[in-house]
């Protein structure tokens, strides 16, 4: 069980409220008490909680592509 939260603005220049993101993520702590991760940029705020069952050492999120232009949080595994 894991949890994902966040917000997206229709105005990509707006800076997300980090405190709101932290409160949302704290509210779903019971879904993943082992780890958390965040990605914040203008217009986008992503948070996640993780329950470490599989791939304990390699499952930190968000996951980024090589040049960090794409970030993803998800409930699942990549093989």
PDB file of N, CA and C in Angstrom:
ATOM      1  N   UNK A   1       0.854  -1.167   0.000  1.00  0.00           N
ATOM      2  CA  UNK A   1       0.000   0.000   0.000  1.00  0.00           C
ATOM      3  C   UNK A   1       0.903   1.233   0.000  1.00  0.00           C
ATOM      4  N   UNK A   2       0.611   2.172  -0.851  1.00  0.00           N
ATOM      5  CA  UNK A   2       1.347   3.436  -0.940  1.00  0.00           C
ATOM      6  C   UNK A   2       0.331   4.559  -1.112  1.00  0.00           C
ATOM      7  N   UNK A   3       0.802   5.768  -1.134  1.00  0.00           N
ATOM      8  CA  UNK A   3      -0.094   6.893  -1.321  1.00  0.00           C
ATOM      9  C   UNK A   3       0.544   7.975  -2.163  1.00  0.00           C
ATOM     10  N   UNK A   4      -0.278   8.649  -2.961  1.00  0.00           N
ATOM     11  CA  UNK A   4       0.178   9.715  -3.847  1.00  0.00           C
ATOM     12  C   UNK A   4      -0.722  10.926  -3.620  1.00  0.00           C
ATOM     13  N   UNK A   5      -0.119  12.107  -3.592  1.00  0.00           N
ATOM     14  CA  UNK A   5      -0.896  13.337  -3.460  1.00  0.00           C
ATOM     15  C   UNK A   5      -0.215  14.430  -4.276  1.00  0.00           C
ATOM     16  N   UNK A   6      -0.914  15.528  -4.467  1.00  0.00           N
ATOM     17  CA  UNK A   6      -0.293  16.632  -5.175  1.00  0.00           C
ATOM     18  C   UNK A   6      -1.306  17.598  -5.738  1.00  0.00           C
ATOM     19  N   UNK A   7      -0.787  18.537  -6.496  1.00  0.00           N
ATOM     20  CA  UNK A   7      -1.638  19.526  -7.143  1.00  0.00           C
ATOM     21  C   UNK A   7      -0.969  19.995  -8.428  1.00  0.00           C
ATOM     22  N   UNK A   8      -1.814  20.399  -9.366  1.00  0.00           N
ATOM     23  CA  UNK A   8      -1.356  20.959 -10.629  1.00  0.00           C
ATOM     24  C   UNK A   8      -2.167  22.218 -10.868  1.00  0.00           C
ATOM     25  N   UNK A   9      -1.501  23.279 -11.274  1.00  0.00           N
ATOM     26  CA  UNK A   9      -2.171  24.552 -11.528  1.00  0.00           C
ATOM     27  C   UNK A   9      -2.354  24.758 -13.024  1.00  0.00           C
ATOM     28  N   UNK A  10      -3.467  25.371 -13.396  1.00  0.00           N
ATOM     29  CA  UNK A  10      -3.652  25.716 -14.803  1.00  0.00           C
ATOM     30  C   UNK A  10      -2.744  26.872 -15.214  1.00  0.00           C
ATOM     31  N   UNK A  11      -2.189  27.561 -14.216  1.00  0.00           N
ATOM     32  CA  UNK A  11      -1.207  28.619 -14.463  1.00  0.00           C
ATOM     33  C   UNK A  11       0.163  28.084 -14.064  1.00  0.00           C
ATOM     34  N   UNK A  12       0.971  27.636 -15.030  1.00  0.00           N
ATOM     35  CA  UNK A  12       2.245  27.002 -14.691  1.00  0.00           C
ATOM     36  C   UNK A  12       3.260  27.933 -14.034  1.00  0.00           C
ATOM     37  N   UNK A  13       2.981  29.227 -13.959  1.00  0.00           N
ATOM     38  CA  UNK A  13       3.921  30.133 -13.310  1.00  0.00           C
ATOM     39  C   UNK A  13       3.697  30.227 -11.793  1.00  0.00           C
ATOM     40  N   UNK A  14       2.568  29.696 -11.308  1.00  0.00           N
ATOM     41  CA  UNK A  14       2.283  29.767  -9.871  1.00  0.00           C
ATOM     42  C   UNK A  14       3.152  28.793  -9.086  1.00  0.00           C
ATOM     43  N   UNK A  15       3.747  29.284  -8.029  1.00  0.00           N
ATOM     44  CA  UNK A  15       4.568  28.445  -7.154  1.00  0.00           C
ATOM     45  C   UNK A  15       3.653  27.682  -6.202  1.00  0.00           C
ATOM     46  N   UNK A  16       3.742  26.343  -6.152  1.00  0.00           N
ATOM     47  CA  UNK A  16       2.896  25.567  -5.248  1.00  0.00           C
ATOM     48  C   UNK A  16       3.198  25.881  -3.783  1.00  0.00           C
ATOM     49  N   UNK A  17       2.210  25.700  -2.942  1.00  0.00           N
ATOM     50  CA  UNK A  17       2.362  25.890  -1.499  1.00  0.00           C
ATOM     51  C   UNK A  17       2.934  24.604  -0.901  1.00  0.00           C
ATOM     52  N   UNK A  18       4.200  24.631  -0.535  1.00  0.00           N
ATOM     53  CA  UNK A  18       4.874  23.443   0.001  1.00  0.00           C
ATOM     54  C   UNK A  18       4.242  22.961   1.308  1.00  0.00           C
ATOM     55  N   UNK A  19       3.771  23.893   2.132  1.00  0.00           N
ATOM     56  CA  UNK A  19       3.131  23.507   3.398  1.00  0.00           C
ATOM     57  C   UNK A  19       1.872  22.689   3.145  1.00  0.00           C
ATOM     58  N   UNK A  20       1.087  23.059   2.150  1.00  0.00           N
ATOM     59  CA  UNK A  20      -0.120  22.297   1.808  1.00  0.00           C
ATOM     60  C   UNK A  20       0.279  20.896   1.359  1.00  0.00           C
ATOM     61  N   UNK A  21       1.317  20.789   0.530  1.00  0.00           N
ATOM     62  CA  UNK A  21       1.793  19.484   0.075  1.00  0.00           C
ATOM     63  C   UNK A  21       2.244  18.636   1.255  1.00  0.00           C
ATOM     64  N   UNK A  22       2.988  19.213   2.179  1.00  0.00           N
ATOM     65  CA  UNK A  22       3.443  18.458   3.351  1.00  0.00           C
ATOM     66  C   UNK A  22       2.267  17.978   4.195  1.00  0.00           C
ATOM     67  N   UNK A  23       1.250  18.813   4.360  1.00  0.00           N
ATOM     68  CA  UNK A  23       0.071  18.408   5.135  1.00  0.00           C
ATOM     69  C   UNK A  23      -0.700  17.285   4.427  1.00  0.00           C
ATOM     70  N   UNK A  24      -0.829  17.382   3.101  1.00  0.00           N
ATOM     71  CA  UNK A  24      -1.491  16.306   2.358  1.00  0.00           C
ATOM     72  C   UNK A  24      -0.728  14.999   2.536  1.00  0.00           C
ATOM     73  N   UNK A  25       0.585  15.077   2.425  1.00  0.00           N
ATOM     74  CA  UNK A  25       1.411  13.875   2.541  1.00  0.00           C
ATOM     75  C   UNK A  25       1.359  13.308   3.955  1.00  0.00           C
ATOM     76  N   UNK A  26       1.340  14.156   4.957  1.00  0.00           N
ATOM     77  CA  UNK A  26       1.210  13.682   6.343  1.00  0.00           C
ATOM     78  C   UNK A  26      -0.129  12.993   6.565  1.00  0.00           C
ATOM     79  N   UNK A  27      -1.179  13.474   5.899  1.00  0.00           N
ATOM     80  CA  UNK A  27      -2.517  12.894   6.069  1.00  0.00           C
ATOM     81  C   UNK A  27      -2.600  11.461   5.542  1.00  0.00           C
ATOM     82  N   UNK A  28      -1.699  11.073   4.624  1.00  0.00           N
ATOM     83  CA  UNK A  28      -1.718   9.707   4.087  1.00  0.00           C
ATOM     84  C   UNK A  28      -0.527   8.887   4.578  1.00  0.00           C
ATOM     85  N   UNK A  29       0.089   9.320   5.645  1.00  0.00           N
ATOM     86  CA  UNK A  29       1.250   8.615   6.207  1.00  0.00           C
ATOM     87  C   UNK A  29       0.940   7.142   6.493  1.00  0.00           C
ATOM     88  N   UNK A  30      -0.268   6.851   6.911  1.00  0.00           N
ATOM     89  CA  UNK A  30      -0.659   5.469   7.223  1.00  0.00           C
ATOM     90  C   UNK A  30      -0.588   4.559   5.992  1.00  0.00           C
ATOM     91  N   UNK A  31      -0.614   5.129   4.798  1.00  0.00           N
ATOM     92  CA  UNK A  31      -0.544   4.325   3.576  1.00  0.00           C
ATOM     93  C   UNK A  31       0.885   3.924   3.216  1.00  0.00           C
ATOM     94  N   UNK A  32       1.858   4.611   3.797  1.00  0.00           N
ATOM     95  CA  UNK A  32       3.248   4.290   3.512  1.00  0.00           C
ATOM     96  C   UNK A  32       4.156   4.921   4.528  1.00  0.00           C
ATOM     97  N   UNK A  33       4.340   4.280   5.659  1.00  0.00           N
ATOM     98  CA  UNK A  33       5.115   4.891   6.744  1.00  0.00           C
ATOM     99  C   UNK A  33       6.625   4.821   6.574  1.00  0.00           C
ATOM    100  N   UNK A  34       7.120   4.124   5.559  1.00  0.00           N
ATOM    101  CA  UNK A  34       8.557   3.862   5.468  1.00  0.00           C
ATOM    102  C   UNK A  34       9.361   4.917   4.723  1.00  0.00           C
ATOM    103  N   UNK A  35       8.734   5.659   3.841  1.00  0.00           N
ATOM    104  CA  UNK A  35       9.496   6.603   3.031  1.00  0.00           C
ATOM    105  C   UNK A  35       8.540   7.643   2.457  1.00  0.00           C
ATOM    106  N   UNK A  36       9.090   8.795   2.103  1.00  0.00           N
ATOM    107  CA  UNK A  36       8.308   9.794   1.396  1.00  0.00           C
ATOM    108  C   UNK A  36       9.193  10.471   0.369  1.00  0.00           C
ATOM    109  N   UNK A  37       8.564  11.138  -0.577  1.00  0.00           N
ATOM    110  CA  UNK A  37       9.308  11.846  -1.616  1.00  0.00           C
ATOM    111  C   UNK A  37       8.473  12.986  -2.150  1.00  0.00           C
ATOM    112  N   UNK A  38       9.172  14.002  -2.687  1.00  0.00           N
ATOM    113  CA  UNK A  38       8.497  15.200  -3.155  1.00  0.00           C
ATOM    114  C   UNK A  38       9.140  15.715  -4.430  1.00  0.00           C
ATOM    115  N   UNK A  39       8.309  16.325  -5.256  1.00  0.00           N
ATOM    116  CA  UNK A  39       8.800  17.067  -6.417  1.00  0.00           C
ATOM    117  C   UNK A  39       7.953  18.332  -6.501  1.00  0.00           C
ATOM    118  N   UNK A  40       8.619  19.486  -6.473  1.00  0.00           N
ATOM    119  CA  UNK A  40       7.912  20.770  -6.533  1.00  0.00           C
ATOM    120  C   UNK A  40       8.600  21.650  -7.567  1.00  0.00           C
ATOM    121  N   UNK A  41       7.811  22.186  -8.476  1.00  0.00           N
ATOM    122  CA  UNK A  41       8.276  23.158  -9.458  1.00  0.00           C
ATOM    123  C   UNK A  41       7.096  24.061  -9.771  1.00  0.00           C
ATOM    124  N   UNK A  42       7.304  25.194 -10.419  1.00  0.00           N
ATOM    125  CA  UNK A  42       6.183  26.076 -10.708  1.00  0.00           C
ATOM    126  C   UNK A  42       5.038  25.331 -11.398  1.00  0.00           C
ATOM    127  N   UNK A  43       3.858  25.417 -10.816  1.00  0.00           N
ATOM    128  CA  UNK A  43       2.671  24.790 -11.380  1.00  0.00           C
ATOM    129  C   UNK A  43       2.404  23.354 -10.980  1.00  0.00           C
ATOM    130  N   UNK A  44       3.378  22.686 -10.341  1.00  0.00           N
ATOM    131  CA  UNK A  44       3.225  21.260 -10.025  1.00  0.00           C
ATOM    132  C   UNK A  44       3.812  20.954  -8.653  1.00  0.00           C
ATOM    133  N   UNK A  45       3.075  20.168  -7.871  1.00  0.00           N
ATOM    134  CA  UNK A  45       3.578  19.667  -6.589  1.00  0.00           C
ATOM    135  C   UNK A  45       3.162  18.200  -6.475  1.00  0.00           C
ATOM    136  N   UNK A  46       4.115  17.304  -6.296  1.00  0.00           N
ATOM    137  CA  UNK A  46       3.849  15.875  -6.159  1.00  0.00           C
ATOM    138  C   UNK A  46       4.428  15.383  -4.844  1.00  0.00           C
ATOM    139  N   UNK A  47       3.682  14.534  -4.163  1.00  0.00           N
ATOM    140  CA  UNK A  47       4.161  13.902  -2.946  1.00  0.00           C
ATOM    141  C   UNK A  47       3.789  12.439  -2.956  1.00  0.00           C
ATOM    142  N   UNK A  48       4.541  11.627  -2.234  1.00  0.00           N
ATOM    143  CA  UNK A  48       4.230  10.207  -2.161  1.00  0.00           C
ATOM    144  C   UNK A  48       4.666   9.636  -0.827  1.00  0.00           C
ATOM    145  N   UNK A  49       3.981   8.592  -0.407  1.00  0.00           N
ATOM    146  CA  UNK A  49       4.328   7.795   0.774  1.00  0.00           C
ATOM    147  C   UNK A  49       4.567   6.378   0.284  1.00  0.00           C
ATOM    148  N   UNK A  50       5.503   5.682   0.936  1.00  0.00           N
ATOM    149  CA  UNK A  50       5.893   4.354   0.466  1.00  0.00           C
ATOM    150  C   UNK A  50       5.927   3.353   1.599  1.00  0.00           C
ATOM    151  N   UNK A  51       5.351   2.202   1.332  1.00  0.00           N
ATOM    152  CA  UNK A  51       5.472   1.042   2.206  1.00  0.00           C
ATOM    153  C   UNK A  51       6.506   0.129   1.566  1.00  0.00           C
ATOM    154  N   UNK A  52       7.625  -0.094   2.245  1.00  0.00           N
ATOM    155  CA  UNK A  52       8.729  -0.861   1.657  1.00  0.00           C
ATOM    156  C   UNK A  52       8.477  -2.355   1.818  1.00  0.00           C
ATOM    157  N   UNK A  53       8.117  -2.989   0.712  1.00  0.00           N
ATOM    158  CA  UNK A  53       7.914  -4.435   0.711  1.00  0.00           C
ATOM    159  C   UNK A  53       8.901  -5.074  -0.256  1.00  0.00           C
ATOM    160  N   UNK A  54       8.925  -4.553  -1.477  1.00  0.00           N
ATOM    161  CA  UNK A  54       9.802  -5.066  -2.533  1.00  0.00           C
ATOM    162  C   UNK A  54      10.768  -3.953  -2.924  1.00  0.00           C
ATOM    163  N   UNK A  55      11.981  -4.317  -3.284  1.00  0.00           N
ATOM    164  CA  UNK A  55      12.994  -3.358  -3.721  1.00  0.00           C
ATOM    165  C   UNK A  55      13.200  -2.262  -2.679  1.00  0.00           C
ATOM    166  N   UNK A  56      13.505  -2.690  -1.466  1.00  0.00           N
ATOM    167  CA  UNK A  56      13.625  -1.783  -0.333  1.00  0.00           C
ATOM    168  C   UNK A  56      14.654  -0.686  -0.578  1.00  0.00           C
ATOM    169  N   UNK A  57      15.782  -1.032  -1.205  1.00  0.00           N
ATOM    170  CA  UNK A  57      16.842  -0.039  -1.384  1.00  0.00           C
ATOM    171  C   UNK A  57      16.700   0.792  -2.651  1.00  0.00           C
ATOM    172  N   UNK A  58      15.954   0.323  -3.634  1.00  0.00           N
ATOM    173  CA  UNK A  58      15.911   1.025  -4.912  1.00  0.00           C
ATOM    174  C   UNK A  58      14.564   1.619  -5.262  1.00  0.00           C
ATOM    175  N   UNK A  59      13.684   1.791  -4.310  1.00  0.00           N
ATOM    176  CA  UNK A  59      12.346   2.229  -4.643  1.00  0.00           C
ATOM    177  C   UNK A  59      12.015   3.668  -4.310  1.00  0.00           C
ATOM    178  N   UNK A  60      13.022   4.490  -4.056  1.00  0.00           N
ATOM    179  CA  UNK A  60      12.740   5.889  -3.712  1.00  0.00           C
ATOM    180  C   UNK A  60      12.112   6.604  -4.901  1.00  0.00           C
ATOM    181  N   UNK A  61      11.194   7.510  -4.587  1.00  0.00           N
ATOM    182  CA  UNK A  61      10.518   8.306  -5.602  1.00  0.00           C
ATOM    183  C   UNK A  61      10.530   9.751  -5.166  1.00  0.00           C
ATOM    184  N   UNK A  62      10.316  10.683  -6.044  1.00  0.00           N
ATOM    185  CA  UNK A  62      10.029  10.548  -7.462  1.00  0.00           C
ATOM    186  C   UNK A  62      11.207   9.939  -8.224  1.00  0.00           C
ATOM    187  N   UNK A  63      10.870   9.388  -9.378  1.00  0.00           N
ATOM    188  CA  UNK A  63      11.880   8.872 -10.300  1.00  0.00           C
ATOM    189  C   UNK A  63      11.972   9.877 -11.446  1.00  0.00           C
ATOM    190  N   UNK A  64      13.200  10.183 -11.842  1.00  0.00           N
ATOM    191  CA  UNK A  64      13.450  11.179 -12.886  1.00  0.00           C
ATOM    192  C   UNK A  64      14.118  10.534 -14.086  1.00  0.00           C
ATOM    193  N   UNK A  65      13.938  11.147 -15.255  1.00  0.00           N
ATOM    194  CA  UNK A  65      14.703  10.715 -16.419  1.00  0.00           C
ATOM    195  C   UNK A  65      16.123  11.284 -16.309  1.00  0.00           C
ATOM    196  N   UNK A  66      16.934  11.038 -17.309  1.00  0.00           N
ATOM    197  CA  UNK A  66      18.358  11.373 -17.228  1.00  0.00           C
ATOM    198  C   UNK A  66      18.629  12.850 -16.991  1.00  0.00           C
ATOM    199  N   UNK A  67      17.861  13.740 -17.616  1.00  0.00           N
ATOM    200  CA  UNK A  67      18.140  15.173 -17.455  1.00  0.00           C
ATOM    201  C   UNK A  67      17.130  15.870 -16.521  1.00  0.00           C
ATOM    202  N   UNK A  68      16.380  15.069 -15.769  1.00  0.00           N
ATOM    203  CA  UNK A  68      15.432  15.554 -14.753  1.00  0.00           C
ATOM    204  C   UNK A  68      14.359  16.481 -15.323  1.00  0.00           C
ATOM    205  N   UNK A  69      13.994  16.264 -16.597  1.00  0.00           N
ATOM    206  CA  UNK A  69      12.904  17.045 -17.174  1.00  0.00           C
ATOM    207  C   UNK A  69      11.557  16.344 -16.999  1.00  0.00           C
ATOM    208  N   UNK A  70      11.583  15.084 -16.583  1.00  0.00           N
ATOM    209  CA  UNK A  70      10.364  14.315 -16.328  1.00  0.00           C
ATOM    210  C   UNK A  70      10.481  13.688 -14.942  1.00  0.00           C
ATOM    211  N   UNK A  71       9.424  13.858 -14.146  1.00  0.00           N
ATOM    212  CA  UNK A  71       9.359  13.241 -12.816  1.00  0.00           C
ATOM    213  C   UNK A  71       8.089  12.417 -12.734  1.00  0.00           C
ATOM    214  N   UNK A  72       8.155  11.281 -12.054  1.00  0.00           N
ATOM    215  CA  UNK A  72       6.984  10.434 -11.889  1.00  0.00           C
ATOM    216  C   UNK A  72       6.918   9.903 -10.458  1.00  0.00           C
ATOM    217  N   UNK A  73       5.713   9.858  -9.910  1.00  0.00           N
ATOM    218  CA  UNK A  73       5.431   9.121  -8.686  1.00  0.00           C
ATOM    219  C   UNK A  73       4.330   8.142  -9.056  1.00  0.00           C
ATOM    220  N   UNK A  74       4.396   6.929  -8.527  1.00  0.00           N
ATOM    221  CA  UNK A  74       3.422   5.918  -8.933  1.00  0.00           C
ATOM    222  C   UNK A  74       3.358   4.812  -7.894  1.00  0.00           C
ATOM    223  N   UNK A  75       2.317   4.030  -8.004  1.00  0.00           N
ATOM    224  CA  UNK A  75       2.147   2.862  -7.158  1.00  0.00           C
ATOM    225  C   UNK A  75       2.351   1.647  -8.046  1.00  0.00           C
ATOM    226  N   UNK A  76       3.539   1.087  -7.996  1.00  0.00           N
ATOM    227  CA  UNK A  76       3.857  -0.048  -8.849  1.00  0.00           C
ATOM    228  C   UNK A  76       5.355  -0.261  -8.906  1.00  0.00           C
ATOM    229  N   UNK A  77       5.763  -1.029  -9.884  1.00  0.00           N
ATOM    230  CA  UNK A  77       7.172  -1.361 -10.038  1.00  0.00           C
ATOM    231  C   UNK A  77       7.559  -1.239 -11.512  1.00  0.00           C
ATOM    232  N   UNK A  78       8.806  -0.902 -11.755  1.00  0.00           N
ATOM    233  CA  UNK A  78       9.338  -0.867 -13.116  1.00  0.00           C
ATOM    234  C   UNK A  78      10.387  -1.972 -13.227  1.00  0.00           C
ATOM    235  N   UNK A  79      10.239  -2.820 -14.205  1.00  0.00           N
ATOM    236  CA  UNK A  79      11.208  -3.903 -14.418  1.00  0.00           C
ATOM    237  C   UNK A  79      11.962  -3.658 -15.686  1.00  0.00           C
TER     238      UNK A  79
END
